[in-house]
Amino acid sequence: MGKVKVLVAKPGLDGHDRGAKVVANALRDAGMEVVYTGLHQTPEMIVTAALQEDVDVIALSILSGAHMTVFPQVLLNVDVKRKPEITDVPEIAEVIRAVEARLGAKGRVLVRYSGTQPLCRVMVEGPALEEVNRYCQQIADVVEDNLG
C-alpha cells in the first residue's frame, strides 16, 4: 500500500482555517499525502474533490459547530447487561446492515460498547437529522431488546 491520501476540507461558512492547516501539515509530516480544499466548501464540493483525488480519508474541520446541520450526527447510549460481539447478535447485525444500506455513501453507523460502563453506544450520521434520529433509535431499540 502506498501513502495514505487525506482530503482536509472546511465545510460551510466557517472562515477559520489555521487548525485545518496545522492538521494538514502534521499529516504531511507523518508521511501522508494531503489535499486541502480551502474554505467554504459545500458537502457536494467535498465529495466531488474526494472522488476526483481518489482519497483514502476525508477530514473535516469546522469551528462553528455548523457541521451538525450539514452532517447531522446522533449518539444514543443504551444500558446493556452483557457485551457479546455485536456481529454475534443476528438481530443487531441485521438492523445495522439495513440502516447502512439505506444510508449508502451518504452516512455511517457506529455501534460499540463503552470500555468503562455497561453501555452500548449507537451513533448514526447522515444527510437529514430526522432520518438520522429515526435510524439511531431503530438500532438502539434492537440493542435494548437483545442486550438490555
N, C-alpha and C. Protein backbone atom coordinates (compact mmCIF):
# COMPACT_ATOMS: atom_id res chain seq x y z
N MET A 1 0.84 -1.18 0.00
CA MET A 1 0.00 0.00 0.00
C MET A 1 0.88 1.24 0.00
N GLY A 2 0.52 2.21 -0.81
CA GLY A 2 1.28 3.46 -0.89
C GLY A 2 0.92 4.40 0.24
N LYS A 3 1.24 5.65 0.02
CA LYS A 3 0.91 6.67 1.02
C LYS A 3 -0.59 6.78 1.20
N VAL A 4 -1.01 7.02 2.43
CA VAL A 4 -2.42 7.31 2.70
C VAL A 4 -2.69 8.72 2.18
N LYS A 5 -3.78 8.87 1.45
CA LYS A 5 -4.12 10.17 0.87
C LYS A 5 -5.33 10.74 1.61
N VAL A 6 -5.17 11.93 2.18
CA VAL A 6 -6.19 12.55 3.02
C VAL A 6 -6.67 13.85 2.38
N LEU A 7 -7.98 14.02 2.33
CA LEU A 7 -8.57 15.29 1.90
C LEU A 7 -8.97 16.04 3.16
N VAL A 8 -8.41 17.24 3.38
CA VAL A 8 -8.77 18.08 4.51
C VAL A 8 -9.69 19.17 3.97
N ALA A 9 -10.90 19.24 4.51
CA ALA A 9 -11.91 20.16 3.98
C ALA A 9 -12.50 21.04 5.07
N LYS A 10 -12.94 22.23 4.67
CA LYS A 10 -13.59 23.20 5.56
C LYS A 10 -15.02 23.43 5.07
N PRO A 11 -16.00 22.63 5.54
CA PRO A 11 -17.37 22.82 5.07
C PRO A 11 -18.04 24.05 5.67
N GLY A 12 -19.01 24.58 4.96
CA GLY A 12 -19.83 25.66 5.49
C GLY A 12 -19.16 27.02 5.45
N LEU A 13 -19.64 27.90 6.31
CA LEU A 13 -19.21 29.29 6.30
C LEU A 13 -18.09 29.59 7.28
N ASP A 14 -17.59 28.58 7.97
CA ASP A 14 -16.51 28.78 8.92
C ASP A 14 -15.29 29.35 8.19
N GLY A 15 -14.83 30.51 8.60
CA GLY A 15 -13.72 31.18 7.91
C GLY A 15 -12.38 31.01 8.60
N HIS A 16 -12.28 30.13 9.57
CA HIS A 16 -11.03 29.93 10.30
C HIS A 16 -10.37 28.65 9.79
N ASP A 17 -9.16 28.77 9.26
CA ASP A 17 -8.52 27.57 8.72
C ASP A 17 -7.16 27.26 9.32
N ARG A 18 -6.74 27.99 10.34
CA ARG A 18 -5.43 27.72 10.94
C ARG A 18 -5.34 26.28 11.44
N GLY A 19 -6.39 25.80 12.16
CA GLY A 19 -6.38 24.44 12.69
C GLY A 19 -6.29 23.39 11.59
N ALA A 20 -7.05 23.60 10.52
CA ALA A 20 -7.03 22.65 9.40
C ALA A 20 -5.65 22.60 8.76
N LYS A 21 -5.02 23.77 8.66
CA LYS A 21 -3.68 23.82 8.06
C LYS A 21 -2.65 23.16 8.98
N VAL A 22 -2.80 23.33 10.28
CA VAL A 22 -1.90 22.67 11.24
C VAL A 22 -2.05 21.15 11.13
N VAL A 23 -3.30 20.68 11.07
CA VAL A 23 -3.55 19.24 10.93
C VAL A 23 -3.00 18.74 9.60
N ALA A 24 -3.22 19.48 8.52
CA ALA A 24 -2.70 19.07 7.21
C ALA A 24 -1.18 18.94 7.24
N ASN A 25 -0.52 19.90 7.85
CA ASN A 25 0.95 19.84 7.95
C ASN A 25 1.40 18.66 8.81
N ALA A 26 0.69 18.40 9.90
CA ALA A 26 1.04 17.26 10.77
C ALA A 26 0.87 15.94 10.01
N LEU A 27 -0.19 15.85 9.22
CA LEU A 27 -0.41 14.63 8.43
C LEU A 27 0.70 14.47 7.38
N ARG A 28 1.09 15.57 6.74
CA ARG A 28 2.20 15.51 5.78
C ARG A 28 3.49 15.07 6.47
N ASP A 29 3.74 15.65 7.64
CA ASP A 29 4.95 15.29 8.40
C ASP A 29 4.95 13.82 8.79
N ALA A 30 3.75 13.25 8.94
CA ALA A 30 3.63 11.83 9.29
C ALA A 30 3.73 10.94 8.04
N GLY A 31 3.96 11.55 6.88
CA GLY A 31 4.17 10.77 5.66
C GLY A 31 2.94 10.57 4.79
N MET A 32 1.87 11.29 5.10
CA MET A 32 0.66 11.15 4.30
C MET A 32 0.62 12.20 3.19
N GLU A 33 -0.08 11.87 2.13
CA GLU A 33 -0.33 12.84 1.07
C GLU A 33 -1.60 13.59 1.45
N VAL A 34 -1.57 14.92 1.40
CA VAL A 34 -2.70 15.73 1.85
C VAL A 34 -3.17 16.65 0.74
N VAL A 35 -4.49 16.68 0.57
CA VAL A 35 -5.13 17.62 -0.35
C VAL A 35 -5.99 18.53 0.52
N TYR A 36 -5.75 19.85 0.46
CA TYR A 36 -6.53 20.81 1.23
C TYR A 36 -7.46 21.56 0.28
N THR A 37 -8.77 21.55 0.59
CA THR A 37 -9.75 22.13 -0.32
C THR A 37 -9.91 23.63 -0.18
N GLY A 38 -9.49 24.18 0.92
CA GLY A 38 -9.73 25.61 1.17
C GLY A 38 -11.03 25.82 1.92
N LEU A 39 -11.38 27.09 2.09
CA LEU A 39 -12.55 27.47 2.88
C LEU A 39 -13.86 27.36 2.11
N HIS A 40 -14.96 27.32 2.87
CA HIS A 40 -16.33 27.48 2.36
C HIS A 40 -16.74 26.40 1.35
N GLN A 41 -16.50 25.16 1.69
CA GLN A 41 -16.84 24.06 0.80
C GLN A 41 -18.23 23.51 1.13
N THR A 42 -19.00 23.19 0.12
CA THR A 42 -20.28 22.51 0.32
C THR A 42 -20.01 21.01 0.42
N PRO A 43 -20.96 20.25 0.98
CA PRO A 43 -20.77 18.80 1.01
C PRO A 43 -20.54 18.22 -0.38
N GLU A 44 -21.26 18.75 -1.37
CA GLU A 44 -21.11 18.26 -2.74
C GLU A 44 -19.70 18.53 -3.26
N MET A 45 -19.16 19.72 -2.96
CA MET A 45 -17.80 20.06 -3.40
C MET A 45 -16.77 19.13 -2.75
N ILE A 46 -16.99 18.83 -1.47
CA ILE A 46 -16.06 17.95 -0.74
C ILE A 46 -16.09 16.54 -1.34
N VAL A 47 -17.28 16.02 -1.57
CA VAL A 47 -17.41 14.67 -2.13
C VAL A 47 -16.81 14.62 -3.53
N THR A 48 -17.08 15.64 -4.34
CA THR A 48 -16.52 15.68 -5.70
C THR A 48 -15.00 15.69 -5.65
N ALA A 49 -14.43 16.51 -4.78
CA ALA A 49 -12.96 16.56 -4.65
C ALA A 49 -12.41 15.22 -4.17
N ALA A 50 -13.09 14.60 -3.22
CA ALA A 50 -12.64 13.31 -2.71
C ALA A 50 -12.62 12.24 -3.80
N LEU A 51 -13.66 12.26 -4.63
CA LEU A 51 -13.71 11.29 -5.73
C LEU A 51 -12.67 11.59 -6.80
N GLN A 52 -12.51 12.86 -7.14
CA GLN A 52 -11.52 13.24 -8.16
C GLN A 52 -10.10 12.95 -7.71
N GLU A 53 -9.85 13.17 -6.44
CA GLU A 53 -8.50 12.97 -5.90
C GLU A 53 -8.24 11.53 -5.47
N ASP A 54 -9.29 10.70 -5.45
CA ASP A 54 -9.19 9.30 -5.06
C ASP A 54 -8.54 9.16 -3.68
N VAL A 55 -9.11 9.86 -2.69
CA VAL A 55 -8.53 9.87 -1.35
C VAL A 55 -8.96 8.65 -0.56
N ASP A 56 -8.17 8.35 0.48
CA ASP A 56 -8.49 7.27 1.41
C ASP A 56 -9.31 7.75 2.59
N VAL A 57 -9.13 9.04 2.95
CA VAL A 57 -9.75 9.60 4.15
C VAL A 57 -10.22 11.02 3.85
N ILE A 58 -11.37 11.38 4.42
CA ILE A 58 -11.84 12.76 4.38
C ILE A 58 -11.81 13.29 5.81
N ALA A 59 -11.07 14.38 6.03
CA ALA A 59 -11.00 15.02 7.34
C ALA A 59 -11.72 16.36 7.26
N LEU A 60 -12.74 16.53 8.11
CA LEU A 60 -13.49 17.77 8.12
C LEU A 60 -13.09 18.60 9.33
N SER A 61 -12.92 19.89 9.10
CA SER A 61 -12.57 20.80 10.18
C SER A 61 -13.55 21.96 10.17
N ILE A 62 -14.25 22.13 11.29
CA ILE A 62 -15.20 23.24 11.37
C ILE A 62 -15.31 23.69 12.82
N LEU A 63 -15.06 24.94 13.04
CA LEU A 63 -15.02 25.51 14.38
C LEU A 63 -16.40 25.92 14.87
N SER A 64 -17.28 26.29 13.99
CA SER A 64 -18.56 26.90 14.37
C SER A 64 -19.59 25.92 14.90
N GLY A 65 -19.43 24.65 14.64
CA GLY A 65 -20.44 23.67 15.02
C GLY A 65 -21.53 23.53 13.97
N ALA A 66 -21.43 24.28 12.88
CA ALA A 66 -22.44 24.23 11.83
C ALA A 66 -22.48 22.88 11.13
N HIS A 67 -21.42 22.07 11.29
CA HIS A 67 -21.41 20.75 10.65
C HIS A 67 -22.54 19.87 11.17
N MET A 68 -23.04 20.17 12.35
CA MET A 68 -24.14 19.37 12.87
C MET A 68 -25.41 19.61 12.04
N THR A 69 -25.45 20.71 11.32
CA THR A 69 -26.57 20.96 10.41
C THR A 69 -26.27 20.35 9.05
N VAL A 70 -25.02 20.47 8.62
CA VAL A 70 -24.61 19.95 7.32
C VAL A 70 -24.50 18.43 7.36
N PHE A 71 -23.92 17.90 8.43
CA PHE A 71 -23.71 16.46 8.60
C PHE A 71 -24.26 16.05 9.97
N PRO A 72 -25.59 15.94 10.12
CA PRO A 72 -26.16 15.61 11.43
C PRO A 72 -25.64 14.28 11.97
N GLN A 73 -25.43 14.27 13.29
CA GLN A 73 -24.96 13.07 13.97
C GLN A 73 -25.78 12.91 15.24
N VAL A 74 -26.22 11.69 15.51
CA VAL A 74 -26.96 11.40 16.73
C VAL A 74 -26.26 10.25 17.44
N LEU A 75 -26.10 10.38 18.75
CA LEU A 75 -25.49 9.34 19.57
C LEU A 75 -26.45 8.99 20.69
N LEU A 76 -26.76 7.71 20.82
CA LEU A 76 -27.59 7.22 21.92
C LEU A 76 -26.80 6.20 22.72
N ASN A 77 -26.89 6.28 24.04
CA ASN A 77 -26.28 5.30 24.92
C ASN A 77 -27.38 4.36 25.41
N VAL A 78 -27.14 3.07 25.26
CA VAL A 78 -28.12 2.06 25.65
C VAL A 78 -27.52 1.23 26.78
N ASP A 79 -28.25 1.14 27.90
CA ASP A 79 -27.80 0.28 29.00
C ASP A 79 -27.85 -1.18 28.56
N VAL A 80 -26.77 -1.92 28.84
CA VAL A 80 -26.73 -3.33 28.47
C VAL A 80 -26.32 -4.17 29.68
N LYS A 81 -26.79 -5.41 29.69
CA LYS A 81 -26.45 -6.34 30.77
C LYS A 81 -25.26 -7.23 30.42
N ARG A 82 -24.99 -7.32 29.11
CA ARG A 82 -23.86 -8.14 28.64
C ARG A 82 -23.30 -7.50 27.38
N LYS A 83 -22.09 -7.93 27.01
CA LYS A 83 -21.41 -7.31 25.86
C LYS A 83 -20.83 -8.35 24.90
N PRO A 84 -21.71 -9.10 24.23
CA PRO A 84 -21.19 -10.03 23.21
C PRO A 84 -20.72 -9.23 22.00
N GLU A 85 -19.98 -9.88 21.12
CA GLU A 85 -19.62 -9.22 19.86
C GLU A 85 -20.91 -8.78 19.17
N ILE A 86 -20.93 -7.55 18.71
CA ILE A 86 -22.13 -7.01 18.05
C ILE A 86 -22.55 -7.91 16.89
N THR A 87 -21.58 -8.37 16.11
CA THR A 87 -21.89 -9.20 14.94
C THR A 87 -22.40 -10.59 15.31
N ASP A 88 -22.23 -10.99 16.59
CA ASP A 88 -22.73 -12.29 17.05
C ASP A 88 -24.20 -12.27 17.44
N VAL A 89 -24.81 -11.09 17.44
CA VAL A 89 -26.23 -10.96 17.76
C VAL A 89 -26.95 -10.68 16.44
N PRO A 90 -27.57 -11.70 15.85
CA PRO A 90 -28.12 -11.56 14.49
C PRO A 90 -29.08 -10.38 14.31
N GLU A 91 -29.95 -10.15 15.29
CA GLU A 91 -30.92 -9.06 15.15
C GLU A 91 -30.23 -7.70 15.08
N ILE A 92 -29.19 -7.52 15.88
CA ILE A 92 -28.45 -6.25 15.88
C ILE A 92 -27.68 -6.11 14.58
N ALA A 93 -26.97 -7.15 14.18
CA ALA A 93 -26.21 -7.11 12.93
C ALA A 93 -27.13 -6.81 11.75
N GLU A 94 -28.32 -7.40 11.77
CA GLU A 94 -29.27 -7.20 10.67
C GLU A 94 -29.78 -5.76 10.59
N VAL A 95 -30.13 -5.16 11.72
CA VAL A 95 -30.63 -3.78 11.69
C VAL A 95 -29.52 -2.81 11.30
N ILE A 96 -28.29 -3.08 11.73
CA ILE A 96 -27.16 -2.23 11.32
C ILE A 96 -26.97 -2.30 9.82
N ARG A 97 -26.97 -3.51 9.26
CA ARG A 97 -26.82 -3.67 7.81
C ARG A 97 -27.94 -2.95 7.06
N ALA A 98 -29.16 -3.06 7.56
CA ALA A 98 -30.30 -2.42 6.89
C ALA A 98 -30.16 -0.90 6.89
N VAL A 99 -29.75 -0.32 8.02
CA VAL A 99 -29.57 1.13 8.10
C VAL A 99 -28.40 1.57 7.21
N GLU A 100 -27.30 0.82 7.25
CA GLU A 100 -26.17 1.16 6.38
C GLU A 100 -26.57 1.12 4.91
N ALA A 101 -27.39 0.15 4.54
CA ALA A 101 -27.84 0.04 3.15
C ALA A 101 -28.71 1.25 2.78
N ARG A 102 -29.57 1.68 3.70
CA ARG A 102 -30.43 2.83 3.41
C ARG A 102 -29.62 4.12 3.31
N LEU A 103 -28.61 4.26 4.16
CA LEU A 103 -27.78 5.47 4.13
C LEU A 103 -26.82 5.47 2.94
N GLY A 104 -26.35 4.29 2.58
CA GLY A 104 -25.37 4.19 1.50
C GLY A 104 -24.15 5.02 1.81
N ALA A 105 -23.62 5.70 0.80
CA ALA A 105 -22.43 6.52 0.97
C ALA A 105 -22.74 7.87 1.62
N LYS A 106 -24.01 8.12 1.90
CA LYS A 106 -24.41 9.42 2.46
C LYS A 106 -24.34 9.46 3.98
N GLY A 107 -23.93 8.38 4.62
CA GLY A 107 -23.90 8.37 6.07
C GLY A 107 -23.08 7.22 6.60
N ARG A 108 -23.08 7.11 7.92
CA ARG A 108 -22.36 5.99 8.53
C ARG A 108 -23.00 5.62 9.85
N VAL A 109 -22.72 4.40 10.29
CA VAL A 109 -23.24 3.86 11.52
C VAL A 109 -22.06 3.32 12.33
N LEU A 110 -22.05 3.62 13.61
CA LEU A 110 -21.04 3.07 14.50
C LEU A 110 -21.76 2.55 15.74
N VAL A 111 -21.57 1.28 16.05
CA VAL A 111 -22.16 0.68 17.24
C VAL A 111 -21.02 0.00 17.98
N ARG A 112 -20.78 0.45 19.22
CA ARG A 112 -19.69 -0.13 20.01
C ARG A 112 -20.02 -0.02 21.49
N TYR A 113 -19.35 -0.82 22.28
CA TYR A 113 -19.55 -0.77 23.72
C TYR A 113 -18.63 0.26 24.35
N SER A 114 -19.10 0.83 25.46
CA SER A 114 -18.24 1.66 26.28
C SER A 114 -17.19 0.74 26.89
N GLY A 115 -15.98 1.25 27.02
CA GLY A 115 -14.93 0.45 27.66
C GLY A 115 -15.02 0.45 29.17
N THR A 116 -15.77 1.38 29.74
CA THR A 116 -15.79 1.52 31.20
C THR A 116 -17.17 1.42 31.83
N GLN A 117 -18.22 1.45 31.03
CA GLN A 117 -19.58 1.43 31.57
C GLN A 117 -20.40 0.35 30.87
N PRO A 118 -21.48 -0.10 31.51
CA PRO A 118 -22.34 -1.11 30.86
C PRO A 118 -23.26 -0.45 29.83
N LEU A 119 -22.66 0.09 28.79
CA LEU A 119 -23.38 0.82 27.76
C LEU A 119 -22.97 0.36 26.37
N CYS A 120 -23.92 0.44 25.46
CA CYS A 120 -23.63 0.29 24.04
C CYS A 120 -23.90 1.65 23.42
N ARG A 121 -22.93 2.17 22.70
CA ARG A 121 -23.07 3.49 22.06
C ARG A 121 -23.48 3.28 20.60
N VAL A 122 -24.57 3.92 20.23
CA VAL A 122 -25.10 3.83 18.88
C VAL A 122 -25.00 5.22 18.25
N MET A 123 -24.23 5.34 17.19
CA MET A 123 -24.05 6.63 16.53
C MET A 123 -24.40 6.48 15.06
N VAL A 124 -25.20 7.44 14.56
CA VAL A 124 -25.57 7.47 13.15
C VAL A 124 -25.36 8.87 12.63
N GLU A 125 -24.74 8.97 11.46
CA GLU A 125 -24.59 10.24 10.75
C GLU A 125 -25.25 10.09 9.39
N GLY A 126 -25.83 11.19 8.92
CA GLY A 126 -26.47 11.16 7.61
C GLY A 126 -26.87 12.54 7.16
N PRO A 127 -27.51 12.61 6.02
CA PRO A 127 -27.82 13.90 5.41
C PRO A 127 -28.96 14.66 6.07
N ALA A 128 -29.89 13.97 6.75
CA ALA A 128 -31.07 14.63 7.31
C ALA A 128 -31.26 14.22 8.77
N LEU A 129 -31.40 15.22 9.65
CA LEU A 129 -31.49 14.95 11.08
C LEU A 129 -32.66 14.04 11.43
N GLU A 130 -33.81 14.25 10.83
CA GLU A 130 -34.97 13.41 11.14
C GLU A 130 -34.69 11.94 10.82
N GLU A 131 -34.08 11.71 9.68
CA GLU A 131 -33.74 10.36 9.25
C GLU A 131 -32.69 9.76 10.20
N VAL A 132 -31.68 10.54 10.55
CA VAL A 132 -30.62 10.07 11.44
C VAL A 132 -31.20 9.70 12.81
N ASN A 133 -32.09 10.54 13.34
CA ASN A 133 -32.75 10.24 14.62
C ASN A 133 -33.52 8.93 14.54
N ARG A 134 -34.27 8.76 13.48
CA ARG A 134 -35.09 7.55 13.32
C ARG A 134 -34.21 6.29 13.25
N TYR A 135 -33.16 6.35 12.43
CA TYR A 135 -32.28 5.19 12.28
C TYR A 135 -31.55 4.87 13.59
N CYS A 136 -31.08 5.91 14.27
CA CYS A 136 -30.35 5.69 15.53
C CYS A 136 -31.27 5.05 16.56
N GLN A 137 -32.49 5.55 16.67
CA GLN A 137 -33.45 4.98 17.62
C GLN A 137 -33.81 3.55 17.25
N GLN A 138 -33.93 3.27 15.96
CA GLN A 138 -34.24 1.92 15.48
C GLN A 138 -33.16 0.94 15.94
N ILE A 139 -31.90 1.30 15.76
CA ILE A 139 -30.80 0.42 16.18
C ILE A 139 -30.78 0.30 17.70
N ALA A 140 -30.93 1.43 18.40
CA ALA A 140 -30.90 1.43 19.88
C ALA A 140 -32.00 0.52 20.44
N ASP A 141 -33.18 0.55 19.84
CA ASP A 141 -34.28 -0.29 20.30
C ASP A 141 -33.93 -1.77 20.17
N VAL A 142 -33.31 -2.14 19.07
CA VAL A 142 -32.93 -3.55 18.87
C VAL A 142 -31.84 -3.96 19.86
N VAL A 143 -30.88 -3.06 20.09
CA VAL A 143 -29.82 -3.33 21.07
C VAL A 143 -30.47 -3.54 22.44
N GLU A 144 -31.37 -2.65 22.84
CA GLU A 144 -32.01 -2.77 24.14
C GLU A 144 -32.83 -4.06 24.26
N ASP A 145 -33.55 -4.41 23.20
CA ASP A 145 -34.36 -5.64 23.22
C ASP A 145 -33.49 -6.88 23.40
N ASN A 146 -32.29 -6.85 22.84
CA ASN A 146 -31.43 -8.05 22.87
C ASN A 146 -30.42 -8.07 24.01
N LEU A 147 -30.01 -6.91 24.50
CA LEU A 147 -28.93 -6.87 25.49
C LEU A 147 -29.27 -6.13 26.77
N GLY A 148 -30.40 -5.43 26.77
CA GLY A 148 -30.76 -4.59 27.92
C GLY A 148 -31.41 -5.34 29.05
